[in-house]
Protein backbone atom coordinates (compact mmCIF):
# COMPACT_ATOMS: atom_id res chain seq x y z
CA MET A 1 5.67 3.36 44.16
CA THR A 2 3.67 6.31 42.81
CA ARG A 3 5.12 8.32 40.11
CA GLU A 4 4.57 12.03 40.21
CA LYS A 5 3.36 13.87 36.99
CA TYR A 6 4.45 17.41 36.40
CA ASP A 7 3.34 19.84 33.90
CA LEU A 8 6.47 22.08 34.27
CA VAL A 9 10.06 21.63 35.35
CA ILE A 10 12.42 24.57 35.62
CA CYS A 11 16.15 24.29 35.73
CA LEU A 12 18.33 27.31 36.56
CA SER A 13 21.97 26.99 36.12
CA HIS A 14 25.22 28.95 35.28
CA LEU A 15 26.09 26.86 32.22
CA GLY A 16 26.12 28.64 28.97
CA TYR A 17 23.93 27.37 26.13
CA ASP A 18 23.31 29.96 23.18
CA TYR A 19 23.58 33.82 23.24
CA LYS A 20 20.58 34.74 21.22
CA ASN A 21 17.72 36.98 22.30
CA GLU A 22 15.02 34.36 21.89
CA PRO A 23 14.51 31.02 23.51
CA THR A 24 15.02 27.98 21.47
CA VAL A 25 12.85 24.83 21.26
CA VAL A 26 14.66 21.48 21.34
CA LYS A 27 13.45 17.96 21.64
CA ASN A 28 14.09 15.82 24.82
CA LYS A 29 14.63 11.94 24.74
CA LYS A 30 10.85 11.42 24.76
CA ASP A 31 10.48 13.63 21.61
CA LYS A 32 8.75 16.35 23.44
CA ASN A 33 9.44 20.00 23.14
CA VAL A 34 11.66 21.75 25.72
CA LEU A 35 12.06 25.51 25.95
CA VAL A 36 15.63 26.55 26.51
CA ASN A 37 16.44 30.21 27.23
CA GLN A 38 19.72 32.17 28.02
CA ILE A 39 19.88 35.84 28.12
CA GLY A 40 23.58 36.36 28.17
CA CYS A 41 26.08 37.25 30.81
CA TYR A 42 27.15 39.92 33.28
CA TRP A 43 23.57 40.88 34.25
CA LEU A 44 23.12 43.02 31.03
CA TYR A 45 19.67 41.45 30.17
CA LEU A 46 16.63 40.14 32.14
CA GLY A 47 14.97 37.14 30.77
CA ARG A 48 11.12 36.39 30.99
CA ILE A 49 9.22 33.36 30.07
CA ASP A 50 5.43 33.18 30.40
CA PHE A 51 3.75 29.90 30.44
CA HIS A 52 -0.03 29.32 29.98
CA PHE A 53 -1.81 26.14 30.99
CA TYR A 54 -5.36 26.06 29.67
CA SER A 55 -5.77 22.29 29.52
CA GLN A 56 -3.73 19.08 29.43
CA ASN A 57 -3.38 19.38 25.55
CA ASN A 58 -3.26 23.20 25.41
CA LYS A 59 -0.13 24.75 26.72
CA THR A 60 1.69 27.70 25.35
CA SER A 61 4.87 29.58 26.29
CA TYR A 62 6.61 32.84 25.20
CA GLY A 63 9.93 34.08 26.08
CA SER A 64 11.92 37.35 25.78
CA ALA A 65 15.03 39.14 26.81
CA MET A 66 15.12 42.79 27.94
CA ALA A 67 18.11 45.07 28.41
CA VAL A 68 18.57 46.04 32.07
């Protein structure tokens, strides 16, 4: 069986996490950084996260929230 390798997995949900304006970085079970972002409720803000993949070891991300 071949295991697929992914550089990015995105999960969209309606579950609440933290109502701050900036994304937070948490560690997963494999001790890797995971970016978690929530922009609030009632369509008041629009979230944006930019991912940049330069090489296998050089990946960056930046997130922000904007008022709609």
